[in-house]
Protein backbone atom coordinates (compact mmCIF):
# COMPACT_ATOMS: atom_id res chain seq x y z
CA MET A 1 83.06 87.07 -6.44
CA SER A 2 86.06 85.55 -4.72
CA LEU A 3 85.43 81.92 -3.80
CA ALA A 4 87.64 79.48 -1.97
CA LEU A 5 87.00 76.24 -3.85
CA ASP A 6 87.83 72.91 -2.30
CA ALA A 7 90.88 71.00 -3.44
CA GLY A 8 88.91 68.68 -5.65
CA SER A 9 87.42 71.49 -7.63
CA ALA A 10 90.70 73.25 -7.89
CA ARG A 11 92.31 70.16 -9.47
CA ASN A 12 89.48 69.68 -11.92
CA PRO A 13 89.27 72.55 -14.42
CA SER A 14 86.14 71.18 -15.98
CA SER A 15 84.44 71.27 -12.60
CA VAL A 16 85.28 74.96 -12.20
CA LEU A 17 84.01 75.61 -15.71
CA HIS A 18 80.77 73.75 -14.89
CA HIS A 19 80.28 75.83 -11.74
CA SER A 20 80.88 79.07 -13.68
CA HIS A 21 78.12 78.23 -16.11
CA GLN A 22 75.57 80.99 -16.43
CA PHE A 23 72.74 78.66 -15.21
CA TYR A 24 74.67 77.26 -12.26
CA LYS A 25 73.32 79.70 -9.69
CA TRP A 26 69.77 78.91 -10.67
CA LEU A 27 70.43 75.18 -10.25
CA VAL A 28 71.81 75.91 -6.80
CA LEU A 29 68.69 77.94 -6.03
CA GLY A 30 66.52 75.01 -6.98
CA ASN A 31 68.57 72.71 -4.82
CA VAL A 32 68.31 75.01 -1.82
CA MET A 33 64.53 75.32 -2.37
CA ILE A 34 64.20 71.55 -1.73
CA GLY A 35 65.59 71.96 1.78
CA THR A 36 63.52 75.06 2.44
CA PHE A 37 60.43 73.23 1.28
CA MET A 38 61.11 70.40 3.70
CA ALA A 39 61.88 72.59 6.73
CA VAL A 40 58.75 74.70 6.35
CA LEU A 41 56.61 71.74 5.26
CA ASP A 42 57.23 69.98 8.57
CA SER A 43 55.88 72.80 10.68
CA THR A 44 52.73 73.29 8.58
CA ILE A 45 52.06 69.62 8.05
CA VAL A 46 52.26 68.90 11.76
CA ASN A 47 49.76 71.68 12.62
CA VAL A 48 46.93 69.89 10.86
CA GLY A 49 47.87 66.63 12.58
CA LEU A 50 47.90 67.94 16.16
CA PRO A 51 44.23 67.06 16.94
CA LYS A 52 44.73 63.47 15.74
CA ILE A 53 47.98 63.14 17.71
CA MET A 54 46.24 64.53 20.79
CA ALA A 55 43.52 61.90 20.46
CA THR A 56 45.96 59.07 19.84
CA PHE A 57 48.11 59.78 22.86
CA GLY A 58 45.31 61.17 25.04
CA VAL A 59 47.05 64.46 25.92
CA THR A 60 45.91 68.09 26.23
CA ILE A 61 47.03 71.28 24.52
CA ASP A 62 49.61 72.13 27.17
CA LYS A 63 51.43 68.89 26.40
CA ILE A 64 50.95 68.57 22.66
CA GLU A 65 52.19 72.16 22.01
CA TRP A 66 55.66 70.82 22.84
CA VAL A 67 55.55 68.96 19.50
CA MET A 68 55.77 72.46 18.01
CA THR A 69 57.77 74.18 20.74
CA ALA A 70 60.56 71.55 20.83
CA TYR A 71 61.04 71.78 17.08
CA LEU A 72 61.16 75.61 17.09
CA LEU A 73 63.36 75.62 20.23
CA ILE A 74 66.12 73.40 18.96
CA LEU A 75 65.89 75.07 15.56
CA ALA A 76 66.55 78.42 17.25
CA VAL A 77 69.40 77.01 19.31
CA MET A 78 71.10 75.43 16.27
CA LEU A 79 70.71 78.42 13.99
CA PRO A 80 73.55 80.44 15.52
CA THR A 81 75.99 77.55 15.11
CA SER A 82 75.21 77.17 11.37
CA GLY A 83 77.59 79.98 10.42
CA TRP A 84 80.57 78.45 12.30
CA VAL A 85 79.83 74.93 10.99
CA ALA A 86 79.47 76.12 7.43
CA ASP A 87 82.59 78.23 7.56
CA HIS A 88 84.63 75.46 9.20
CA PHE A 89 83.49 72.38 7.27
CA GLY A 90 82.08 73.92 4.07
CA TYR A 91 78.70 74.98 2.93
CA LYS A 92 78.01 71.95 0.72
CA ARG A 93 78.86 69.48 3.46
CA THR A 94 76.87 71.39 6.09
CA TYR A 95 73.83 71.60 3.83
CA ALA A 96 74.00 67.85 3.07
CA LEU A 97 74.38 67.06 6.80
CA ALA A 98 71.36 69.21 7.60
CA LEU A 99 69.29 67.31 5.07
CA PHE A 100 70.50 64.03 6.51
CA LEU A 101 69.54 65.00 10.09
CA PHE A 102 66.19 66.23 9.03
CA THR A 103 65.44 63.07 7.03
CA VAL A 104 66.52 60.76 9.88
CA GLY A 105 64.52 62.82 12.39
CA SER A 106 61.42 62.59 10.17
CA PHE A 107 61.69 58.79 9.97
CA LEU A 108 62.10 58.49 13.75
CA CYS A 109 59.09 60.77 14.38
CA GLY A 110 56.98 58.40 12.32
CA THR A 111 57.97 55.55 14.67
CA ALA A 112 57.19 57.47 17.86
CA TRP A 113 55.24 55.33 20.40
CA ASN A 114 54.17 58.18 22.79
CA GLU A 115 54.22 61.94 23.00
CA ASN A 116 57.59 62.00 24.82
CA ALA A 117 59.31 60.03 22.08
CA LEU A 118 57.75 62.25 19.47
CA VAL A 119 59.03 65.39 21.20
CA ALA A 120 62.52 63.87 21.44
CA PHE A 121 62.63 62.92 17.77
CA ARG A 122 61.32 66.37 16.81
CA VAL A 123 64.53 67.72 18.43
CA ILE A 124 66.58 65.77 15.84
CA GLN A 125 64.40 67.21 13.05
CA GLY A 126 64.78 70.73 14.45
CA ALA A 127 68.56 70.33 14.55
CA GLY A 128 68.61 69.62 10.82
CA ALA A 129 66.19 72.49 10.07
CA GLY A 130 68.34 74.81 12.14
CA PHE A 131 71.11 74.43 9.57
CA LEU A 132 68.94 74.22 6.42
CA MET A 133 67.39 77.69 6.50
CA PRO A 134 70.38 79.99 7.22
CA VAL A 135 72.93 77.97 5.27
CA GLY A 136 70.60 77.83 2.26
CA MET A 137 69.97 81.54 2.53
CA ALA A 138 73.68 82.19 2.70
CA ILE A 139 74.34 80.03 -0.31
CA VAL A 140 71.71 81.89 -2.38
CA THR A 141 72.90 85.34 -1.34
CA ARG A 142 76.53 84.35 -2.10
CA GLU A 143 75.79 83.00 -5.60
CA PHE A 144 73.67 86.02 -6.70
CA PRO A 145 75.04 89.56 -7.07
CA PRO A 146 73.42 92.30 -4.88
CA GLU A 147 71.28 93.64 -7.73
CA ARG A 148 69.72 90.23 -8.30
CA ARG A 149 69.33 89.03 -4.71
CA GLY A 150 65.79 90.39 -4.39
CA ILE A 151 64.43 88.30 -7.23
CA ALA A 152 66.48 85.26 -6.14
CA LEU A 153 65.20 85.47 -2.56
CA GLY A 154 61.70 85.94 -4.02
CA PHE A 155 61.95 82.61 -5.87
CA TRP A 156 63.52 81.04 -2.75
CA SER A 157 60.42 82.12 -0.87
CA ILE A 158 58.28 80.13 -3.31
CA ALA A 159 59.53 76.94 -1.57
CA ALA A 160 58.22 78.21 1.76
CA ALA A 161 54.99 79.32 0.15
CA ALA A 162 54.45 75.91 -1.46
CA SER A 163 54.95 74.30 1.94
CA VAL A 164 52.34 76.61 3.44
CA SER A 165 49.86 75.55 0.77
CA PHE A 166 50.56 71.88 0.29
CA GLY A 167 51.79 70.98 3.79
CA PRO A 168 48.38 71.03 5.47
CA LEU A 169 46.73 69.59 2.36
CA ILE A 170 49.16 66.68 2.07
CA GLY A 171 49.03 66.14 5.87
CA GLY A 172 45.26 66.12 5.92
CA TYR A 173 45.06 63.59 3.06
CA LEU A 174 47.58 61.28 4.69
CA ILE A 175 45.88 61.43 8.07
CA ASP A 176 42.42 60.85 6.62
CA ASN A 177 43.56 57.90 4.47
CA PHE A 178 46.41 56.39 6.42
CA SER A 179 47.65 57.61 9.81
CA TRP A 180 49.38 60.58 11.46
CA HIS A 181 52.72 58.72 11.20
CA THR A 182 52.83 59.23 7.46
CA ILE A 183 53.02 63.04 7.78
CA PHE A 184 56.60 62.40 8.92
CA TYR A 185 57.45 59.54 6.61
CA VAL A 186 56.55 61.72 3.60
CA ASN A 187 59.71 63.77 4.25
CA VAL A 188 62.03 60.81 3.77
CA PRO A 189 61.97 60.50 -0.09
CA VAL A 190 62.14 64.30 -0.44
CA GLY A 191 65.17 64.38 1.87
CA ILE A 192 66.97 61.66 -0.06
CA LEU A 193 66.33 63.58 -3.29
CA GLY A 194 67.68 66.77 -1.66
CA ILE A 195 70.86 65.08 -0.47
CA PHE A 196 71.49 63.61 -3.96
CA ALA A 197 70.91 66.98 -5.59
CA THR A 198 73.26 68.70 -3.17
CA MET A 199 76.07 66.26 -3.83
CA VAL A 200 75.68 66.53 -7.58
CA VAL A 201 74.92 70.20 -8.11
CA GLN A 202 76.68 72.24 -5.51
CA ARG A 203 80.36 73.12 -5.35
CA GLU A 204 82.14 73.34 -2.02
CA TYR A 205 82.81 76.73 -0.52
CA LYS A 206 84.78 77.49 2.62
CA THR A 207 85.96 80.77 4.07
CA GLU A 208 89.70 81.33 3.98
CA HIS A 209 89.85 82.16 7.72
CA THR A 210 87.86 79.98 10.16
CA ARG A 211 87.12 81.09 13.67
CA GLY A 212 87.00 79.26 17.02
CA PHE A 213 83.78 77.82 18.38
CA ASP A 214 82.17 79.80 21.18
CA LEU A 215 81.21 76.94 23.55
CA ILE A 216 80.24 79.26 26.41
CA GLY A 217 77.97 81.22 24.08
CA PHE A 218 76.33 78.04 22.81
CA VAL A 219 75.68 76.56 26.24
CA SER A 220 74.44 79.84 27.75
CA VAL A 221 72.00 80.70 24.92
CA SER A 222 70.72 77.11 25.08
CA VAL A 223 70.13 77.44 28.78
CA PHE A 224 68.45 80.82 28.32
CA LEU A 225 66.02 79.67 25.62
CA THR A 226 65.27 76.25 27.01
CA PHE A 227 64.36 77.31 30.56
CA LEU A 228 62.50 80.42 29.43
CA LEU A 229 60.29 78.36 27.12
CA LEU A 230 59.84 75.70 29.85
CA ALA A 231 58.56 78.42 32.23
CA LEU A 232 56.29 80.02 29.60
CA THR A 233 54.87 76.70 28.47
CA ASP A 234 54.32 75.06 31.86
CA GLY A 235 53.05 78.05 33.80
CA ASN A 236 49.49 76.85 33.36
CA ALA A 237 50.15 73.13 32.75
CA SER A 238 47.70 70.73 34.41
CA TRP A 239 50.46 69.12 36.49
CA ASN A 240 51.75 72.49 37.79
CA THR A 241 49.36 73.13 40.65
CA GLY A 242 51.45 76.03 41.94
CA GLY A 243 50.95 78.11 38.77
CA TRP A 244 53.39 80.92 37.94
CA THR A 245 54.72 81.09 41.52
CA SER A 246 55.58 77.41 41.79
CA PRO A 247 59.24 76.58 42.68
CA PHE A 248 59.75 74.90 39.26
CA ILE A 249 58.64 77.94 37.27
CA LEU A 250 60.68 80.37 39.45
CA VAL A 251 63.78 78.20 39.10
CA CYS A 252 63.30 78.09 35.25
CA PHE A 253 63.05 81.86 35.15
CA GLY A 254 66.11 82.24 37.34
CA LEU A 255 68.21 79.87 35.19
CA SER A 256 66.98 81.63 32.05
CA VAL A 257 68.10 85.01 33.38
CA LEU A 258 71.46 83.61 34.41
CA GLY A 259 71.95 82.08 30.93
CA LEU A 260 71.08 85.42 29.30
CA VAL A 261 73.58 87.30 31.45
CA VAL A 262 76.35 84.82 30.79
CA PHE A 263 75.55 84.87 27.06
CA LEU A 264 75.70 88.65 26.79
CA VAL A 265 78.94 88.90 28.75
CA ALA A 266 80.55 86.13 26.64
CA GLU A 267 79.40 87.50 23.23
CA PHE A 268 80.89 90.92 23.88
CA ASN A 269 84.19 89.61 25.25
CA VAL A 270 85.19 86.52 23.27
CA LYS A 271 87.25 86.90 20.12
CA HIS A 272 84.91 84.83 17.97
CA PRO A 273 81.34 85.03 19.36
CA LEU A 274 78.68 82.46 18.50
CA ILE A 275 76.31 85.24 17.51
CA GLU A 276 78.03 88.36 16.29
CA LEU A 277 75.75 90.83 18.04
CA LYS A 278 77.77 93.69 16.56
CA LEU A 279 75.94 92.98 13.30
CA LEU A 280 72.93 94.49 14.99
CA GLU A 281 74.79 97.82 15.00
CA ASP A 282 73.95 98.07 11.31
CA PHE A 283 70.80 100.17 11.54
CA ASN A 284 68.67 98.31 8.96
CA PHE A 285 69.81 94.91 10.06
CA GLY A 286 69.03 95.62 13.75
CA LEU A 287 65.59 97.11 13.10
CA THR A 288 64.61 94.37 10.62
CA ASN A 289 65.38 91.76 13.25
CA ILE A 290 63.05 93.55 15.72
CA VAL A 291 60.35 93.34 13.04
CA LEU A 292 60.99 89.63 12.54
CA PHE A 293 60.89 88.89 16.27
CA ILE A 294 57.53 90.64 16.62
CA PHE A 295 56.28 88.97 13.51
CA GLY A 296 57.36 85.49 14.70
CA LEU A 297 55.72 86.07 18.04
CA GLY A 298 52.35 86.86 16.49
CA MET A 299 52.36 84.70 13.36
CA PHE A 300 53.86 81.44 14.64
CA GLY A 301 52.06 81.81 17.93
CA SER A 302 48.68 81.86 16.17
CA THR A 303 49.45 79.39 13.36
CA PHE A 304 48.57 76.25 15.29
CA LEU A 305 45.17 77.70 16.33
CA MET A 306 43.32 77.47 13.03
CA PRO A 307 43.59 73.62 12.52
CA LEU A 308 42.50 73.11 16.17
CA TYR A 309 39.55 75.42 15.65
CA LEU A 310 38.48 73.86 12.34
CA GLN A 311 38.69 70.26 13.55
CA ASN A 312 37.56 70.60 17.14
CA SER A 313 34.91 73.32 16.73
CA LEU A 314 33.60 72.94 13.15
CA ASN A 315 34.23 69.15 12.86
CA TYR A 316 36.41 69.52 9.77
CA THR A 317 38.35 66.42 8.76
CA PRO A 318 42.18 66.84 8.66
CA PHE A 319 41.98 66.95 4.83
CA GLN A 320 39.26 69.58 4.87
CA ALA A 321 41.26 71.61 7.41
CA GLY A 322 44.40 71.30 5.22
CA LEU A 323 42.47 72.34 2.09
CA VAL A 324 41.68 75.81 3.45
CA PHE A 325 45.40 76.64 3.63
CA LEU A 326 45.95 75.92 -0.09
CA PRO A 327 45.39 79.53 -1.29
CA VAL A 328 47.77 80.93 1.35
CA GLY A 329 50.94 79.45 -0.13
CA ILE A 330 49.79 80.00 -3.73
CA LEU A 331 49.25 83.69 -3.10
CA GLN A 332 52.52 83.93 -1.15
CA GLY A 333 54.35 82.18 -3.97
CA ILE A 334 52.89 84.51 -6.59
CA MET A 335 53.63 87.64 -4.59
CA ALA A 336 57.17 86.75 -3.34
CA PRO A 337 58.94 87.21 -6.74
CA VAL A 338 56.88 90.29 -7.43
CA ALA A 339 57.85 91.77 -4.05
CA GLY A 340 61.48 90.82 -4.79
CA PHE A 341 61.35 92.53 -8.18
CA MET A 342 59.87 95.64 -6.52
CA SER A 343 62.39 95.68 -3.69
CA ASP A 344 65.23 95.75 -6.24
CA ARG A 345 63.76 98.89 -7.87
CA VAL A 346 61.62 100.91 -5.43
CA ASP A 347 61.50 101.63 -1.73
CA ALA A 348 61.38 98.14 -0.17
CA ARG A 349 59.65 99.57 2.96
CA ILE A 350 56.43 100.12 0.94
CA PRO A 351 55.59 96.46 0.14
CA ALA A 352 56.86 95.39 3.64
CA ALA A 353 54.54 97.89 5.34
CA VAL A 354 51.54 96.97 3.18
CA GLY A 355 52.17 93.30 3.94
CA ILE A 356 52.24 93.94 7.72
CA ILE A 357 49.01 95.92 7.61
CA LEU A 358 47.22 93.21 5.63
CA LEU A 359 48.55 90.53 7.97
CA GLY A 360 47.33 92.42 10.99
CA ILE A 361 43.87 92.85 9.34
CA SER A 362 43.71 89.11 8.65
CA MET A 363 44.35 88.33 12.32
CA TYR A 364 41.68 90.80 13.37
CA LEU A 365 39.12 89.23 11.05
CA ASN A 366 39.74 85.85 12.78
CA TYR A 367 38.58 87.45 16.00
CA PHE A 368 35.03 87.09 14.80
CA LEU A 369 35.10 83.29 14.25
CA SER A 370 32.30 81.27 15.91
CA LEU A 371 30.75 77.81 16.00
CA TYR A 372 28.71 78.79 12.93
CA SER A 373 31.27 80.55 10.79
CA MET A 374 30.69 80.26 7.03
CA HIS A 375 33.44 79.04 4.74
CA SER A 376 33.84 82.50 3.19
CA GLN A 377 34.44 84.00 6.61
CA ILE A 378 37.25 81.51 7.18
CA MET A 379 38.87 81.96 3.78
CA LEU A 380 38.97 85.75 3.47
CA PRO A 381 41.58 86.22 6.28
CA LEU A 382 43.63 83.43 4.75
CA TYR A 383 43.62 85.07 1.33
CA LEU A 384 44.86 88.27 2.96
CA ARG A 385 47.50 86.35 4.92
CA GLY A 386 48.98 84.74 1.85
CA PHE A 387 49.09 88.03 -0.02
CA ALA A 388 50.65 89.76 2.97
CA MET A 389 53.36 87.21 3.66
CA GLY A 390 54.39 87.27 0.03
CA LEU A 391 54.80 91.02 0.21
CA MET A 392 56.76 91.01 3.50
CA PHE A 393 59.64 88.58 3.52
CA THR A 394 61.63 89.40 0.41
CA PRO A 395 61.72 93.22 0.99
CA LEU A 396 62.68 92.64 4.65
CA SER A 397 65.44 90.26 3.65
CA THR A 398 66.73 92.69 1.03
CA LEU A 399 66.73 95.59 3.50
CA ALA A 400 68.40 93.58 6.24
CA LEU A 401 71.22 92.14 4.18
CA ALA A 402 71.90 95.11 1.94
CA ASN A 403 75.01 96.33 3.84
CA VAL A 404 76.30 93.00 5.21
CA PRO A 405 79.69 92.06 3.78
CA LYS A 406 79.93 88.65 2.03
CA HIS A 407 82.29 87.08 4.54
CA LYS A 408 79.70 87.75 7.27
CA MET A 409 76.68 86.60 5.30
CA ALA A 410 76.47 83.24 7.06
CA GLN A 411 76.53 84.89 10.49
CA ALA A 412 74.02 87.49 9.39
CA SER A 413 71.60 85.02 7.80
CA GLY A 414 71.92 82.77 10.83
CA LEU A 415 71.10 85.64 13.22
CA PHE A 416 68.33 86.79 10.86
CA ASN A 417 66.63 83.40 11.17
CA VAL A 418 67.42 82.99 14.90
CA ILE A 419 65.45 86.08 15.79
CA ARG A 420 62.41 84.98 13.83
CA GLN A 421 62.44 81.45 15.18
CA VAL A 422 63.01 82.62 18.76
CA GLY A 423 59.99 84.88 18.29
CA GLY A 424 58.05 81.91 16.97
CA SER A 425 59.06 79.70 19.88
CA PHE A 426 57.98 82.37 22.37
CA GLY A 427 54.78 82.85 20.40
CA VAL A 428 53.78 79.16 20.52
CA ALA A 429 54.49 79.03 24.23
CA LEU A 430 52.75 82.30 25.02
CA PHE A 431 49.70 81.76 22.91
CA GLY A 432 49.34 78.11 24.09
CA THR A 433 49.34 79.41 27.68
CA LEU A 434 46.98 82.26 26.79
CA LEU A 435 44.63 79.81 25.10
CA THR A 436 44.50 77.60 28.22
CA ARG A 437 43.89 80.53 30.51
CA ARG A 438 41.16 82.05 28.30
CA VAL A 439 39.37 78.69 27.95
CA ILE A 440 39.20 78.49 31.76
CA PHE A 441 38.03 82.12 31.98
CA HIS A 442 35.28 81.76 29.37
CA THR A 443 34.14 78.41 30.69
CA ALA A 444 33.66 80.01 34.11
CA SER A 445 31.97 83.04 32.69
CA TYR A 446 29.50 81.10 30.51
CA GLY A 447 28.88 78.62 33.33
CA ILE A 448 27.82 81.46 35.65
CA ALA A 449 25.67 82.95 32.87
CA VAL A 450 23.71 79.69 32.49
CA ASP A 451 20.83 80.22 34.97
CA GLN A 452 19.40 76.83 35.74
CA HIS A 453 16.33 78.43 37.16
CA SER A 454 15.48 80.56 34.11
CA SER A 455 12.57 79.64 31.83
CA ALA A 456 14.94 79.51 28.78
CA PHE A 457 17.13 76.90 30.55
CA ARG A 458 14.13 74.80 31.62
CA ASN A 459 12.63 74.93 28.14
CA THR A 460 15.91 73.90 26.52
CA MET A 461 16.32 71.05 29.11
CA ASP A 462 12.82 69.75 28.41
CA LYS A 463 13.47 69.64 24.68
CA LEU A 464 16.83 67.97 25.09
CA THR A 465 15.41 65.40 27.54
CA HIS A 466 12.60 64.55 25.15
CA PHE A 467 15.11 64.34 22.26
CA SER A 468 17.31 61.98 24.28
CA GLN A 469 14.43 59.73 25.26
CA HIS A 470 13.12 59.60 21.71
CA VAL A 471 16.52 58.84 20.09
CA VAL A 472 18.44 56.84 22.73
CA GLY A 473 15.76 55.83 25.18
CA GLY A 474 16.17 55.34 28.92
CA SER A 475 14.55 56.77 32.05
CA GLY A 476 13.70 60.43 32.59
CA ASN A 477 16.65 60.98 34.96
CA VAL A 478 19.14 59.48 32.53
CA SER A 479 17.78 61.54 29.66
CA SER A 480 17.92 64.67 31.81
CA MET A 481 21.61 63.98 32.57
CA ARG A 482 22.29 63.57 28.86
CA GLY A 483 20.61 66.93 28.20
CA LYS A 484 22.77 68.62 30.80
CA GLY A 485 25.84 67.02 29.23
CA LEU A 486 24.88 68.48 25.87
CA ILE A 487 24.54 71.94 27.35
CA ILE A 488 27.91 71.61 29.17
CA GLY A 489 29.53 70.39 25.95
CA HIS A 490 28.14 73.35 24.06
CA VAL A 491 29.42 75.76 26.73
CA MET A 492 32.91 74.22 26.57
CA LYS A 493 32.98 74.47 22.76
CA GLN A 494 31.90 78.09 22.88
CA ALA A 495 34.53 78.83 25.55
CA PHE A 496 37.23 77.30 23.33
CA VAL A 497 36.19 79.37 20.34
CA SER A 498 36.14 82.54 22.44
CA ALA A 499 39.64 81.75 23.71
CA VAL A 500 40.83 81.25 20.07
CA ASN A 501 39.32 84.63 19.20
CA ASP A 502 41.21 86.26 22.04
CA ASP A 503 44.47 84.74 20.81
CA PHE A 504 43.89 86.03 17.28
CA LEU A 505 43.07 89.51 18.57
CA VAL A 506 46.34 89.65 20.53
CA ALA A 507 48.25 88.20 17.52
CA GLY A 508 46.79 91.00 15.33
CA ALA A 509 47.82 93.71 17.79
CA ILE A 510 51.31 92.29 18.04
CA THR A 511 51.67 92.06 14.22
CA ILE A 512 50.63 95.72 13.74
CA LEU A 513 53.45 96.71 16.11
CA CYS A 514 55.87 95.64 13.34
CA LEU A 515 54.93 98.88 11.52
CA ILE A 516 56.74 101.03 14.07
CA PRO A 517 60.30 99.94 13.21
CA ILE A 518 59.45 99.76 9.52
CA PHE A 519 59.01 103.54 9.40
CA PHE A 520 62.54 104.05 10.69
CA LEU A 521 64.33 101.72 8.22
CA ARG A 522 66.66 103.42 5.80
CA ARG A 523 65.70 103.09 2.19
CA LYS A 524 67.77 100.78 -0.01
CA ARG A 525 68.26 102.79 -3.15
CA PRO A 526 68.14 100.85 -6.42
CA GLN A 527 71.39 100.79 -8.37
CA ALA A 528 71.49 103.12 -11.31
CA GLY A 529 71.13 101.50 -14.66
CA VAL A 530 69.77 98.24 -13.36
CA LYS A 531 67.47 96.79 -15.99
CA ALA A 532 64.71 94.16 -15.70
CA VAL A 533 66.13 90.96 -14.26
CA ALA A 534 66.62 88.14 -16.64
CA MET A 535 68.22 84.74 -16.05
CA ASP A 536 71.88 84.86 -16.94
């Protein structure tokens, strides 16, 4: 592997010898896993804290979802620039800068005094995460030869799997015993450790030929994504009385279309595009990105639903809600290296397709959740989800990057992650909007179905009125009003659960669509003579 070492390394032969040590690439992998753990941890740990943050700031779903959307949005915007920044300033420096931004953003989020400040500080976090994932992936794929990338990416996925398991668990414990602010403060010591490890372990690497920065592409893609997500998120917002035809929403859609047109024109005409769309001409890389977009749309869009359901409908504490996610990451962490081992030796499409099918089934099973769901009914889909995600990602990464040349690895990994995060951003916006609309629909439907003149309604009211008088006291009229309030509250809870079910059903259908492009992927043939992978 031809590497352009920085001047310091070139002058220090012992440093070069150290970096050529047989265990060096595994140390780098461990270092990169720290950043991956942080970036994924922050999305999972925040999910379980959303109900508490909503209660603290007194905001609704259409506002609090921006805590997720803003993070995913800026992450998606910054991802394409990661390749240029890493090529221009060096991979080690870029990775350390990403950890620094993420750590500072985490600290500031913990100090947020209202929802607007929290969203603003999440942008800083997302900027750091936007560099961490693709640069880390590029570093790993550069250090490992092609025949060992599957197993390396499998171990890299363990960091994400650990975040899926321990993020909600850690977040729930911190919220139950301290406050929601601590779910952000916990990133600070991990970030400091990651920065120190990066400076000590990694060598600097820069490409021999740097390219110019595509400012037009960066601005236009930012305009496209920002205004499209604003339109999708605020279409049903409580303040937007005009709905989808309001001037604000129409202007957002118009600016988004304009940004997309300018972006496409610029990327196909500038000498050094921000996102090298020609990479999509590679058949496997292009199709795999379609799979990742569809996956992100369904998976990320439905991820924030489960903690809301558990805490708002089943009265789980944040820690109890986080505890149910523990098996997901464990199973994903176990299966990721196995899937990587398989993808290096057999048709990688097989574990990827099985993973997608199981993921779709897990979403469909969540369609049957209710106010009285048993613990086993909640856990079975999560077991399937962890198993499925462990099977999916490593084979897809192996298939996507199999034919990408080394000097374009940063661009490819950046685009690879952009597509998934853009899908995730759209998913959070779309499913948040869908949840709001379906809650309104089901509330109206159940309200009409409650016949106040029926004998069942009168019997229920009599019992609730008697219960209220016996427990709380008060006059008959006051007790009757309390009884009606209990019925209305139950109707609203049932409407929320039904809306959550609708979201999961749509997410399952979207996920199964990933199977279509999987069938057309070209098989990555294992190299002849490759033996079982062992650490060099």
